[in-house]
Protein backbone atom coordinates (compact mmCIF):
# COMPACT_ATOMS: atom_id res chain seq x y z
CA MET A 1 -15.67 8.82 18.65
CA ILE A 2 -12.73 8.85 21.10
CA PRO A 3 -9.40 8.95 19.21
CA PRO A 4 -7.15 5.94 19.82
CA ALA A 5 -4.05 6.19 22.00
CA PHE A 6 -1.83 5.50 18.99
CA GLU A 7 -1.93 5.39 15.21
CA LEU A 8 -0.40 2.72 13.00
CA ILE A 9 0.75 3.72 9.54
CA ASN A 10 1.64 1.10 6.93
CA PRO A 11 1.42 -1.75 9.47
CA ASP A 12 2.33 -4.38 6.88
CA GLY A 13 5.32 -2.49 5.50
CA ALA A 14 8.09 -4.78 4.28
CA ALA A 15 11.08 -2.71 5.40
CA ARG A 16 13.23 -3.87 8.30
CA THR A 17 12.63 -0.51 9.93
CA LEU A 18 10.20 0.80 12.53
CA LEU A 19 9.40 4.52 12.66
CA LEU A 20 8.19 6.15 15.86
CA CYS A 21 6.68 9.54 16.71
CA ASP A 22 6.27 10.15 20.44
CA HIS A 23 4.68 13.61 20.15
CA ALA A 24 2.58 13.26 17.01
CA ALA A 25 -0.71 14.83 18.21
CA ASN A 26 -1.98 17.73 20.30
CA ILE A 27 -5.32 16.14 21.24
CA VAL A 28 -6.61 16.42 24.81
CA PRO A 29 -9.53 14.26 25.99
CA ALA A 30 -12.73 16.29 26.28
CA GLU A 31 -13.18 15.37 29.94
CA MET A 32 -9.88 17.12 30.72
CA GLY A 33 -11.24 20.44 29.51
CA SER A 34 -8.27 21.20 27.25
CA LEU A 35 -6.16 21.22 30.44
CA GLY A 36 -7.26 24.82 30.87
CA LEU A 37 -5.44 25.90 27.69
CA THR A 38 -6.72 27.57 24.53
CA GLU A 39 -6.67 25.91 21.14
CA ALA A 40 -3.90 28.29 20.10
CA GLU A 41 -1.78 27.28 23.10
CA LEU A 42 -2.27 23.57 22.39
CA SER A 43 -1.24 24.19 18.78
CA ARG A 44 2.12 25.54 19.90
CA HIS A 45 5.21 23.39 20.32
CA ILE A 46 4.29 22.76 23.95
CA GLY A 47 1.35 20.60 22.81
CA TRP A 48 3.14 18.44 20.24
CA ASP A 49 6.11 18.19 17.90
CA ILE A 50 4.96 20.35 15.01
CA GLY A 51 5.47 18.67 11.65
CA ALA A 52 6.88 15.44 13.07
CA ALA A 53 3.84 13.31 12.26
CA ALA A 54 3.83 14.46 8.63
CA VAL A 55 7.50 13.59 8.18
CA THR A 56 6.99 10.23 9.89
CA GLY A 57 4.06 9.38 7.62
CA SER A 58 5.95 10.36 4.49
CA LEU A 59 8.96 8.25 5.45
CA ALA A 60 6.75 5.29 6.33
CA ARG A 61 5.21 5.34 2.88
CA GLN A 62 8.44 5.90 0.97
CA LEU A 63 10.51 3.39 2.94
CA ASP A 64 7.59 0.93 3.06
CA ALA A 65 8.08 0.80 6.82
CA PRO A 66 5.54 0.50 9.63
CA ALA A 67 5.17 3.48 11.96
CA VAL A 68 3.65 3.95 15.42
CA LEU A 69 2.51 7.47 16.35
CA SER A 70 1.20 8.70 19.70
CA GLY A 71 -2.44 9.78 19.76
CA TYR A 72 -2.56 12.47 22.47
CA SER A 73 -0.77 15.61 23.50
CA ARG A 74 2.51 15.42 25.36
CA LEU A 75 0.82 17.66 27.95
CA VAL A 76 -1.64 14.87 28.83
CA ILE A 77 1.31 12.53 29.33
CA ASP A 78 4.73 12.59 27.69
CA CYS A 79 5.28 9.19 26.07
CA ASN A 80 9.03 9.86 25.87
CA ARG A 81 9.49 10.16 29.63
CA ALA A 82 9.68 7.62 32.42
CA LEU A 83 6.57 7.82 34.57
CA ASP A 84 8.55 8.87 37.63
CA ASP A 85 9.99 11.85 35.73
CA PRO A 86 8.12 15.04 36.77
CA THR A 87 8.09 16.20 33.14
CA ALA A 88 5.90 13.23 32.21
CA PHE A 89 3.02 15.34 33.56
CA PRO A 90 4.33 18.88 33.04
CA THR A 91 2.92 21.56 35.29
CA VAL A 92 4.75 24.26 33.29
CA SER A 93 5.89 24.13 29.68
CA ASP A 94 8.05 26.84 28.13
CA ARG A 95 7.13 29.10 31.06
CA LEU A 96 3.37 28.57 30.53
CA PRO A 97 1.53 27.00 33.51
CA ILE A 98 -0.64 24.01 32.59
CA PRO A 99 -3.75 24.39 34.80
CA GLY A 100 -5.05 20.87 34.23
CA ASN A 101 -1.79 19.32 35.46
CA GLN A 102 -1.57 21.06 38.81
CA GLU A 103 -1.74 18.78 41.84
CA LEU A 104 -2.50 15.57 39.96
CA SER A 105 -3.16 12.63 42.25
CA GLY A 106 -1.51 9.26 41.89
CA ASN A 107 -4.80 7.90 40.56
CA ASP A 108 -4.98 10.70 37.97
CA LYS A 109 -1.52 9.84 36.72
CA ALA A 110 -2.22 6.10 36.69
CA MET A 111 -5.40 6.66 34.65
CA ARG A 112 -3.50 8.68 32.07
CA ALA A 113 -0.73 6.09 31.91
CA ASP A 114 -3.21 3.23 31.49
CA SER A 115 -5.24 5.10 28.87
CA PHE A 116 -2.64 6.86 26.72
CA TYR A 117 0.94 5.90 27.62
CA TRP A 118 1.06 2.14 27.92
CA PRO A 119 -1.18 1.46 24.89
CA TYR A 120 1.32 3.40 22.75
CA HIS A 121 4.28 1.52 24.19
CA ARG A 122 2.50 -1.83 23.93
CA ALA A 123 1.86 -1.08 20.26
CA ILE A 124 5.61 -0.55 19.76
CA GLU A 125 6.38 -3.79 21.60
CA ALA A 126 3.86 -5.64 19.44
CA ARG A 127 5.58 -4.44 16.27
CA LEU A 128 8.98 -5.43 17.65
CA ASP A 129 7.65 -8.85 18.65
CA ARG A 130 6.39 -9.26 15.12
CA PHE A 131 9.85 -8.47 13.76
CA ALA A 132 11.41 -10.89 16.25
CA ALA A 133 9.06 -13.66 15.16
CA ALA A 134 10.37 -13.14 11.63
CA GLN A 135 13.95 -13.23 13.01
CA VAL A 136 14.53 -9.58 12.10
CA ALA A 137 16.39 -7.07 14.31
CA PRO A 138 14.91 -3.85 12.86
CA ALA A 139 16.33 -0.36 12.78
CA ILE A 140 14.30 2.05 14.92
CA ILE A 141 14.01 5.70 13.89
CA SER A 142 12.26 8.16 16.18
CA ILE A 143 11.12 11.47 14.66
CA HIS A 144 10.83 14.65 16.76
CA SER A 145 10.88 18.41 16.12
CA PHE A 146 12.25 21.40 18.00
CA THR A 147 11.55 25.12 18.21
CA PRO A 148 13.75 27.51 16.20
CA THR A 149 14.23 29.70 19.28
CA MET A 150 14.51 28.74 22.94
CA ASN A 151 15.41 31.00 25.87
CA GLU A 152 16.10 33.83 23.40
CA PHE A 153 18.69 31.70 21.57
CA ASP A 154 18.20 31.22 17.81
CA ARG A 155 19.04 27.62 17.11
CA PRO A 156 21.11 27.33 13.92
CA TRP A 157 20.55 23.62 13.29
CA HIS A 158 18.08 22.34 10.73
CA ILE A 159 18.43 18.70 11.81
CA GLY A 160 19.75 17.22 15.02
CA ILE A 161 20.93 13.63 15.34
CA LEU A 162 20.57 12.38 18.92
CA TRP A 163 22.37 9.28 20.05
CA ASP A 164 24.20 7.75 22.98
CA LYS A 165 26.39 4.65 22.60
CA ASP A 166 25.19 2.82 19.50
CA PRO A 167 26.82 4.48 16.43
CA ARG A 168 25.36 2.27 13.71
CA LEU A 169 22.66 4.67 12.50
CA PRO A 170 23.75 8.09 13.80
CA MET A 171 27.32 8.15 12.48
CA PRO A 172 26.51 7.46 8.82
CA LEU A 173 23.45 9.72 9.12
CA LEU A 174 25.61 12.61 10.33
CA ALA A 175 28.11 12.02 7.53
CA GLY A 176 25.44 11.78 4.85
CA LEU A 177 23.43 14.80 5.94
CA ALA A 178 26.63 16.88 6.07
CA THR A 179 26.91 16.50 2.27
CA ILE A 180 23.58 18.27 1.62
CA ASP A 181 24.21 21.93 0.82
CA GLY A 182 22.50 24.47 3.03
CA LEU A 183 21.78 22.21 5.99
CA VAL A 184 23.27 22.79 9.44
CA ILE A 185 23.44 19.47 11.25
CA GLY A 186 23.72 19.06 15.02
CA ASP A 187 25.43 16.11 16.69
CA ASN A 188 23.40 15.71 19.91
CA GLN A 189 22.00 19.20 19.35
CA PRO A 190 19.79 20.97 20.34
CA TYR A 191 19.40 18.21 22.94
CA SER A 192 21.60 15.30 23.89
CA ALA A 193 20.50 11.68 24.03
CA ARG A 194 23.20 11.25 26.66
CA ASP A 195 21.00 13.10 29.13
CA PRO A 196 18.61 10.64 30.80
CA GLU A 197 15.40 12.17 29.47
CA GLY A 198 14.31 10.10 26.49
CA PHE A 199 12.41 6.93 27.44
CA THR A 200 11.18 5.34 24.23
CA LEU A 201 14.45 4.31 22.60
CA ARG A 202 16.02 3.26 25.89
CA HIS A 203 12.99 1.14 26.75
CA HIS A 204 12.44 -0.49 23.36
CA ALA A 205 15.67 -0.35 21.35
CA VAL A 206 18.61 -0.30 23.75
CA ARG A 207 17.55 -3.28 25.82
CA ARG A 208 16.96 -5.36 22.66
CA GLY A 209 20.27 -4.28 21.11
CA LEU A 210 18.53 -2.77 18.07
CA PRO A 211 20.15 -0.05 15.92
CA HIS A 212 18.38 3.23 16.65
CA VAL A 213 18.49 7.00 16.34
CA LEU A 214 16.39 10.00 17.32
CA ILE A 215 16.08 12.68 14.63
CA GLU A 216 15.14 16.24 15.58
CA LEU A 217 13.85 18.59 12.83
CA ARG A 218 13.45 22.33 13.25
CA GLN A 219 9.79 23.21 13.33
CA ASP A 220 9.85 26.28 11.12
CA GLU A 221 11.27 24.09 8.35
CA ILE A 222 8.56 21.40 8.50
CA ALA A 223 5.47 23.28 9.71
CA ASP A 224 3.70 22.97 6.36
CA ALA A 225 3.22 20.04 3.99
CA ALA A 226 5.84 21.22 1.51
CA GLY A 227 8.47 21.57 4.22
CA ALA A 228 7.67 18.19 5.71
CA GLU A 229 8.02 16.53 2.31
CA ARG A 230 11.29 18.36 1.64
CA TYR A 231 12.84 17.15 4.87
CA ALA A 232 11.47 13.64 4.40
CA ALA A 233 13.27 13.67 1.03
CA TYR A 234 16.54 14.74 2.67
CA LEU A 235 16.25 11.93 5.18
CA LEU A 236 15.20 9.38 2.57
CA LYS A 237 18.23 10.21 0.42
CA VAL A 238 20.64 9.59 3.28
CA LEU A 239 18.81 6.77 5.03
CA SER A 240 18.20 4.59 1.97
CA PRO A 241 21.81 3.36 1.50
CA ILE A 242 22.28 3.01 5.27
CA LEU A 243 19.17 0.86 5.61
CA ALA A 244 20.19 -1.21 2.56
CA ASP A 245 23.22 -2.61 4.43
CA PRO A 246 22.34 -6.12 5.71
CA GLU A 247 25.05 -5.85 8.38
CA LEU A 248 22.94 -3.23 10.15
CA TYR A 249 20.32 -5.73 11.24
CA ARG A 250 22.17 -7.57 13.97
CA PRO A 251 21.40 -7.20 17.69
CA ALA A 252 24.30 -5.62 19.57
CA ILE A 253 24.62 -4.12 23.04
CA TYR A 254 26.88 -1.08 23.32
CA LEU A 255 28.17 -0.34 26.81
């Protein structure tokens, strides 16, 4: 059976929160021949956000929130990139050439977008439309993970909070996480949401004025089930009082 382009977890969750995971899977359609990569290469961080799906699923269950997770590898198509961004169809990732992405035609790219990209984004829109029908402006939380080392630099952060103009979720999250002993927290680290790379939150949350945040977790901390549950517990502890505030759930555009 062909895996679906997205996965819904806890679709009837009662929380006024939607969880997203853009890079949840490392699956490549069989007809693409693994993009010319080995199973070990696809299992690396280039193929997916290691541990992110497990944390997303745990939070969905504990918050009683619906979650939408991508179904295919970011190397097939990156669901967190605009389609005109060259990195939506990466030809090289972390210095490794991706044979199956060399010289893709416009039709190749359109097929991938129609099959894997837009179904995921339509699933997000459907959840948001469902919230809107209930007159709810939900909080949107996007879960990602990052490598402990990049370009020979050891990244010290355990959790990064990425945000641009809307402070409603990120500011209290940063303050709350800073109280947990032993954690190093990055404000727009190791990436910045103020760089025009991320697509999902801009496309779905910003234009609707919904409170939102992207959370980056270091992969060596969440690579196994125990680590994923530990970090889900950290996030749950800090998020619970933030999400309990009824003032959060009001549409607002931040310029």
